Amino acid sequence: MWQTILDFFTAVPFLELILIFLAKSVEVTIATLRIILIGKGYRRQGTILSFFEILLWVFVASSVINGLMEAPIRGLMYSIGFSAGVYVGSLLENRIAFGKILLHVIVSKEKTATTEKIVREAGFGVTTISGHGKDDARTILMIFANRKGKEDLIRLIEAHDETAMIVANDVSVVK
C-alpha cells in the first residue's frame, strides 16, 4: 500500500509537477482577467489575453492528458493549479480595479452641503437628489468614479459623516 502511494507521488519529476501547477495557474488567472475585461467592455484587451490563455491551455492540457494514465498526479496538480488561478485572478483584478463605479451616498440634509463640498474638492463630480428616508429628509449624492481608489473616496466620505449610507455599483456601459 505504501509503495502505491509513493509511486503515485513520484511517478513524475517534481519539477514537471510544479511546471504544470504554475502554467495552469497562470492560464486561469489570464482567463479570469479576460472574462472580467470583456464583461466591462474592454474587448481588445480581452481578445489579446485569450490568445495567451489558449496557447497555455493547449500545451498544458495535452501534456496532462497524454500522461494521465501513467501518472494521475498530473491531473491533481492541474486541478490545484486551476483553483489557484481562479483565486489569484480575482485578487489581481481587484487590485487592478478595471472600470467605473457609481456611488450612491445617502446623507442627512444637514450634512449635504459639506459632504458635497469635500467630495468635489477631491476632484469628483456630484449629482444631488432630494429624498425622504424613514424619519426625515435626506439627500442622495451620486458620484461617478474609477473603481481604483474607491476605498479612498469611501474613507473620505465616512471621515466626514460616519452615518452616511454608501452603496457602490459597478457600471459597465457609459454613454
C-alpha atoms as a PDB file:
ATOM      1  CA  MET A   1       0.000   0.000   0.000  1.00  0.00           C
ATOM      2  CA  TRP A   2       2.738   2.467   0.951  1.00  0.00           C
ATOM      3  CA  GLN A   3       4.571   1.653  -2.245  1.00  0.00           C
ATOM      4  CA  THR A   4       1.452   2.521  -4.248  1.00  0.00           C
ATOM      5  CA  ILE A   5       1.179   5.895  -2.507  1.00  0.00           C
ATOM      6  CA  LEU A   6       4.881   6.551  -3.017  1.00  0.00           C
ATOM      7  CA  ASP A   7       4.626   5.585  -6.687  1.00  0.00           C
ATOM      8  CA  PHE A   8       1.669   7.958  -7.091  1.00  0.00           C
ATOM      9  CA  PHE A   9       3.672  10.928  -5.830  1.00  0.00           C
ATOM     10  CA  THR A  10       6.980  10.081  -7.505  1.00  0.00           C
ATOM     11  CA  ALA A  11       5.812   8.899 -10.936  1.00  0.00           C
ATOM     12  CA  VAL A  12       6.578  12.326 -12.402  1.00  0.00           C
ATOM     13  CA  PRO A  13       9.580  14.540 -11.693  1.00  0.00           C
ATOM     14  CA  PHE A  14       8.758  17.192  -9.093  1.00  0.00           C
ATOM     15  CA  LEU A  15       9.821  19.983 -11.463  1.00  0.00           C
ATOM     16  CA  GLU A  16       7.284  18.817 -14.055  1.00  0.00           C
ATOM     17  CA  LEU A  17       4.513  18.886 -11.444  1.00  0.00           C
ATOM     18  CA  ILE A  18       5.476  22.429 -10.398  1.00  0.00           C
ATOM     19  CA  LEU A  19       5.513  23.473 -14.057  1.00  0.00           C
ATOM     20  CA  ILE A  20       2.008  22.024 -14.606  1.00  0.00           C
ATOM     21  CA  PHE A  21       0.742  23.804 -11.495  1.00  0.00           C
ATOM     22  CA  LEU A  22       2.302  27.169 -12.405  1.00  0.00           C
ATOM     23  CA  ALA A  23       1.291  27.050 -16.069  1.00  0.00           C
ATOM     24  CA  LYS A  24      -2.311  26.167 -15.211  1.00  0.00           C
ATOM     25  CA  SER A  25      -2.408  28.870 -12.535  1.00  0.00           C
ATOM     26  CA  VAL A  26      -1.174  31.484 -15.000  1.00  0.00           C
ATOM     27  CA  GLU A  27      -3.595  30.294 -17.676  1.00  0.00           C
ATOM     28  CA  VAL A  28      -6.634  30.506 -15.383  1.00  0.00           C
ATOM     29  CA  THR A  29      -5.502  33.855 -13.972  1.00  0.00           C
ATOM     30  CA  ILE A  30      -5.416  35.152 -17.551  1.00  0.00           C
ATOM     31  CA  ALA A  31      -8.844  33.592 -18.218  1.00  0.00           C
ATOM     32  CA  THR A  32     -10.330  35.249 -15.133  1.00  0.00           C
ATOM     33  CA  LEU A  33      -8.976  38.638 -16.181  1.00  0.00           C
ATOM     34  CA  ARG A  34     -10.177  38.093 -19.766  1.00  0.00           C
ATOM     35  CA  ILE A  35     -13.731  37.337 -18.676  1.00  0.00           C
ATOM     36  CA  ILE A  36     -13.850  40.397 -16.423  1.00  0.00           C
ATOM     37  CA  LEU A  37     -12.319  42.670 -19.059  1.00  0.00           C
ATOM     38  CA  ILE A  38     -14.766  41.596 -21.752  1.00  0.00           C
ATOM     39  CA  GLY A  39     -17.666  41.971 -19.325  1.00  0.00           C
ATOM     40  CA  LYS A  40     -16.577  45.546 -18.628  1.00  0.00           C
ATOM     41  CA  GLY A  41     -16.286  46.425 -22.310  1.00  0.00           C
ATOM     42  CA  TYR A  42     -12.504  46.036 -22.782  1.00  0.00           C
ATOM     43  CA  ARG A  43     -12.858  43.705 -25.775  1.00  0.00           C
ATOM     44  CA  ARG A  44      -9.485  44.350 -27.410  1.00  0.00           C
ATOM     45  CA  GLN A  45      -7.517  43.637 -24.231  1.00  0.00           C
ATOM     46  CA  GLY A  46      -9.660  40.565 -23.531  1.00  0.00           C
ATOM     47  CA  THR A  47      -9.063  39.255 -27.033  1.00  0.00           C
ATOM     48  CA  ILE A  48      -5.292  39.640 -26.683  1.00  0.00           C
ATOM     49  CA  LEU A  49      -5.355  37.793 -23.357  1.00  0.00           C
ATOM     50  CA  SER A  50      -7.400  34.984 -24.931  1.00  0.00           C
ATOM     51  CA  PHE A  51      -4.542  34.205 -27.334  1.00  0.00           C
ATOM     52  CA  PHE A  52      -2.095  33.604 -24.475  1.00  0.00           C
ATOM     53  CA  GLU A  53      -4.720  31.759 -22.458  1.00  0.00           C
ATOM     54  CA  ILE A  54      -5.447  29.216 -25.179  1.00  0.00           C
ATOM     55  CA  LEU A  55      -1.770  28.867 -26.064  1.00  0.00           C
ATOM     56  CA  LEU A  56      -1.005  27.816 -22.491  1.00  0.00           C
ATOM     57  CA  TRP A  57      -4.104  25.619 -22.337  1.00  0.00           C
ATOM     58  CA  VAL A  58      -3.195  23.637 -25.452  1.00  0.00           C
ATOM     59  CA  PHE A  59       0.276  22.745 -24.230  1.00  0.00           C
ATOM     60  CA  VAL A  60      -0.537  22.154 -20.565  1.00  0.00           C
ATOM     61  CA  ALA A  61      -3.760  20.200 -21.156  1.00  0.00           C
ATOM     62  CA  SER A  62      -2.196  17.989 -23.827  1.00  0.00           C
ATOM     63  CA  SER A  63       0.773  17.262 -21.548  1.00  0.00           C
ATOM     64  CA  VAL A  64      -1.507  16.293 -18.685  1.00  0.00           C
ATOM     65  CA  ILE A  65      -3.979  14.284 -20.780  1.00  0.00           C
ATOM     66  CA  ASN A  66      -1.256  12.337 -22.606  1.00  0.00           C
ATOM     67  CA  GLY A  67       0.377  11.263 -19.359  1.00  0.00           C
ATOM     68  CA  LEU A  68      -2.671  10.937 -17.137  1.00  0.00           C
ATOM     69  CA  MET A  69      -2.879   7.128 -17.096  1.00  0.00           C
ATOM     70  CA  GLU A  70       0.809   6.725 -16.195  1.00  0.00           C
ATOM     71  CA  ALA A  71       0.777   9.487 -13.563  1.00  0.00           C
ATOM     72  CA  PRO A  72      -2.630  10.597 -12.248  1.00  0.00           C
ATOM     73  CA  ILE A  73      -0.886  13.146 -10.038  1.00  0.00           C
ATOM     74  CA  ARG A  74      -0.578  15.315 -13.164  1.00  0.00           C
ATOM     75  CA  GLY A  75      -4.362  15.684 -13.116  1.00  0.00           C
ATOM     76  CA  LEU A  76      -4.276  16.535  -9.434  1.00  0.00           C
ATOM     77  CA  MET A  77      -1.664  19.265  -9.978  1.00  0.00           C
ATOM     78  CA  TYR A  78      -3.648  20.541 -12.964  1.00  0.00           C
ATOM     79  CA  SER A  79      -6.773  20.816 -10.789  1.00  0.00           C
ATOM     80  CA  ILE A  80      -4.949  22.539  -7.948  1.00  0.00           C
ATOM     81  CA  GLY A  81      -3.415  24.944 -10.479  1.00  0.00           C
ATOM     82  CA  PHE A  82      -6.890  25.724 -11.794  1.00  0.00           C
ATOM     83  CA  SER A  83      -8.160  26.613  -8.317  1.00  0.00           C
ATOM     84  CA  ALA A  84      -5.099  28.711  -7.549  1.00  0.00           C
ATOM     85  CA  GLY A  85      -5.530  30.561 -10.859  1.00  0.00           C
ATOM     86  CA  VAL A  86      -9.124  31.490 -10.092  1.00  0.00           C
ATOM     87  CA  TYR A  87      -8.083  32.853  -6.707  1.00  0.00           C
ATOM     88  CA  VAL A  88      -5.046  34.768  -8.000  1.00  0.00           C
ATOM     89  CA  GLY A  89      -7.018  36.122 -10.970  1.00  0.00           C
ATOM     90  CA  SER A  90      -9.737  37.516  -8.740  1.00  0.00           C
ATOM     91  CA  LEU A  91      -7.157  39.091  -6.402  1.00  0.00           C
ATOM     92  CA  LEU A  92      -5.292  40.610  -9.336  1.00  0.00           C
ATOM     93  CA  GLU A  93      -8.451  42.023 -10.905  1.00  0.00           C
ATOM     94  CA  ASN A  94      -9.482  43.535  -7.594  1.00  0.00           C
ATOM     95  CA  ARG A  95      -6.056  45.154  -7.290  1.00  0.00           C
ATOM     96  CA  ILE A  96      -6.063  46.474 -10.860  1.00  0.00           C
ATOM     97  CA  ALA A  97      -9.715  47.561 -10.439  1.00  0.00           C
ATOM     98  CA  PHE A  98     -10.793  47.968 -14.045  1.00  0.00           C
ATOM     99  CA  GLY A  99     -13.877  50.005 -14.777  1.00  0.00           C
ATOM    100  CA  LYS A 100     -16.105  52.586 -13.198  1.00  0.00           C
ATOM    101  CA  ILE A 101     -18.444  52.716 -10.228  1.00  0.00           C
ATOM    102  CA  LEU A 102     -21.438  54.781  -9.286  1.00  0.00           C
ATOM    103  CA  LEU A 103     -21.603  55.589  -5.595  1.00  0.00           C
ATOM    104  CA  HIS A 104     -24.922  56.485  -4.034  1.00  0.00           C
ATOM    105  CA  VAL A 105     -24.259  58.292  -0.776  1.00  0.00           C
ATOM    106  CA  ILE A 106     -27.324  58.986   1.362  1.00  0.00           C
ATOM    107  CA  VAL A 107     -26.761  61.775   3.886  1.00  0.00           C
ATOM    108  CA  SER A 108     -28.908  63.932   6.144  1.00  0.00           C
ATOM    109  CA  LYS A 109     -29.967  67.352   4.821  1.00  0.00           C
ATOM    110  CA  GLU A 110     -27.704  68.976   7.430  1.00  0.00           C
ATOM    111  CA  LYS A 111     -24.594  67.208   6.109  1.00  0.00           C
ATOM    112  CA  THR A 112     -25.385  67.603   2.405  1.00  0.00           C
ATOM    113  CA  ALA A 113     -23.531  70.838   1.632  1.00  0.00           C
ATOM    114  CA  THR A 114     -20.314  69.943   3.434  1.00  0.00           C
ATOM    115  CA  THR A 115     -20.228  66.342   2.162  1.00  0.00           C
ATOM    116  CA  GLU A 116     -20.848  67.548  -1.376  1.00  0.00           C
ATOM    117  CA  LYS A 117     -18.094  70.152  -0.981  1.00  0.00           C
ATOM    118  CA  ILE A 118     -15.409  67.759   0.269  1.00  0.00           C
ATOM    119  CA  VAL A 119     -16.188  65.243  -2.493  1.00  0.00           C
ATOM    120  CA  ARG A 120     -15.968  67.940  -5.175  1.00  0.00           C
ATOM    121  CA  GLU A 121     -12.750  69.304  -3.684  1.00  0.00           C
ATOM    122  CA  ALA A 122     -11.329  65.799  -4.021  1.00  0.00           C
ATOM    123  CA  GLY A 123     -11.967  66.052  -7.773  1.00  0.00           C
ATOM    124  CA  PHE A 124     -15.224  64.154  -8.183  1.00  0.00           C
ATOM    125  CA  GLY A 125     -18.433  65.289  -9.814  1.00  0.00           C
ATOM    126  CA  VAL A 126     -21.520  65.057  -7.645  1.00  0.00           C
ATOM    127  CA  THR A 127     -25.184  64.996  -8.594  1.00  0.00           C
ATOM    128  CA  THR A 128     -27.672  65.511  -5.767  1.00  0.00           C
ATOM    129  CA  ILE A 129     -31.224  64.254  -5.467  1.00  0.00           C
ATOM    130  CA  SER A 130     -33.601  65.151  -2.653  1.00  0.00           C
ATOM    131  CA  GLY A 131     -35.304  62.289  -0.932  1.00  0.00           C
ATOM    132  CA  HIS A 132     -37.038  61.249   2.218  1.00  0.00           C
ATOM    133  CA  GLY A 133     -35.885  58.421   4.472  1.00  0.00           C
ATOM    134  CA  LYS A 134     -37.740  56.580   7.185  1.00  0.00           C
ATOM    135  CA  ASP A 135     -37.788  59.513   9.590  1.00  0.00           C
ATOM    136  CA  ASP A 136     -36.535  62.654   7.855  1.00  0.00           C
ATOM    137  CA  ALA A 137     -35.365  64.389   4.709  1.00  0.00           C
ATOM    138  CA  ARG A 138     -32.231  63.006   3.031  1.00  0.00           C
ATOM    139  CA  THR A 139     -30.042  63.811   0.078  1.00  0.00           C
ATOM    140  CA  ILE A 140     -28.686  61.229  -2.316  1.00  0.00           C
ATOM    141  CA  LEU A 141     -25.273  62.121  -3.701  1.00  0.00           C
ATOM    142  CA  MET A 142     -24.462  60.303  -6.930  1.00  0.00           C
ATOM    143  CA  ILE A 143     -20.743  60.101  -7.626  1.00  0.00           C
ATOM    144  CA  PHE A 144     -19.264  58.562 -10.765  1.00  0.00           C
ATOM    145  CA  ALA A 145     -15.664  57.397 -10.239  1.00  0.00           C
ATOM    146  CA  ASN A 146     -12.989  54.882 -11.184  1.00  0.00           C
ATOM    147  CA  ARG A 147     -13.066  51.609  -9.244  1.00  0.00           C
ATOM    148  CA  LYS A 148      -9.400  52.115  -8.485  1.00  0.00           C
ATOM    149  CA  GLY A 149      -9.347  54.415  -5.486  1.00  0.00           C
ATOM    150  CA  LYS A 150     -12.916  53.617  -4.465  1.00  0.00           C
ATOM    151  CA  GLU A 151     -11.834  52.824  -0.914  1.00  0.00           C
ATOM    152  CA  ASP A 152     -10.128  56.224  -0.569  1.00  0.00           C
ATOM    153  CA  LEU A 153     -13.304  58.010  -1.643  1.00  0.00           C
ATOM    154  CA  ILE A 154     -15.410  55.973   0.777  1.00  0.00           C
ATOM    155  CA  ARG A 155     -12.986  56.719   3.626  1.00  0.00           C
ATOM    156  CA  LEU A 156     -13.148  60.440   2.782  1.00  0.00           C
ATOM    157  CA  ILE A 157     -16.942  60.402   2.997  1.00  0.00           C
ATOM    158  CA  GLU A 158     -17.012  58.290   6.163  1.00  0.00           C
ATOM    159  CA  ALA A 159     -14.447  60.578   7.858  1.00  0.00           C
ATOM    160  CA  HIS A 160     -16.843  63.478   7.322  1.00  0.00           C
ATOM    161  CA  ASP A 161     -20.122  61.668   8.003  1.00  0.00           C
ATOM    162  CA  GLU A 162     -19.947  58.296   9.728  1.00  0.00           C
ATOM    163  CA  THR A 163     -23.734  57.898   9.405  1.00  0.00           C
ATOM    164  CA  ALA A 164     -23.707  58.182   5.595  1.00  0.00           C
ATOM    165  CA  MET A 165     -25.110  55.166   3.820  1.00  0.00           C
ATOM    166  CA  ILE A 166     -22.875  54.293   0.875  1.00  0.00           C
ATOM    167  CA  VAL A 167     -23.807  51.927  -1.933  1.00  0.00           C
ATOM    168  CA  ALA A 168     -21.337  51.176  -4.739  1.00  0.00           C
ATOM    169  CA  ASN A 169     -22.413  49.695  -8.065  1.00  0.00           C
ATOM    170  CA  ASP A 170     -20.181  48.657 -10.944  1.00  0.00           C
ATOM    171  CA  VAL A 171     -21.039  50.499 -14.138  1.00  0.00           C
ATOM    172  CA  SER A 172     -20.366  48.528 -17.322  1.00  0.00           C
ATOM    173  CA  VAL A 173     -21.521  50.884 -20.076  1.00  0.00           C
ATOM    174  CA  VAL A 174     -21.165  54.627 -20.115  1.00  0.00           C
ATOM    175  CA  LYS A 175     -22.504  56.822 -22.901  1.00  0.00           C
END
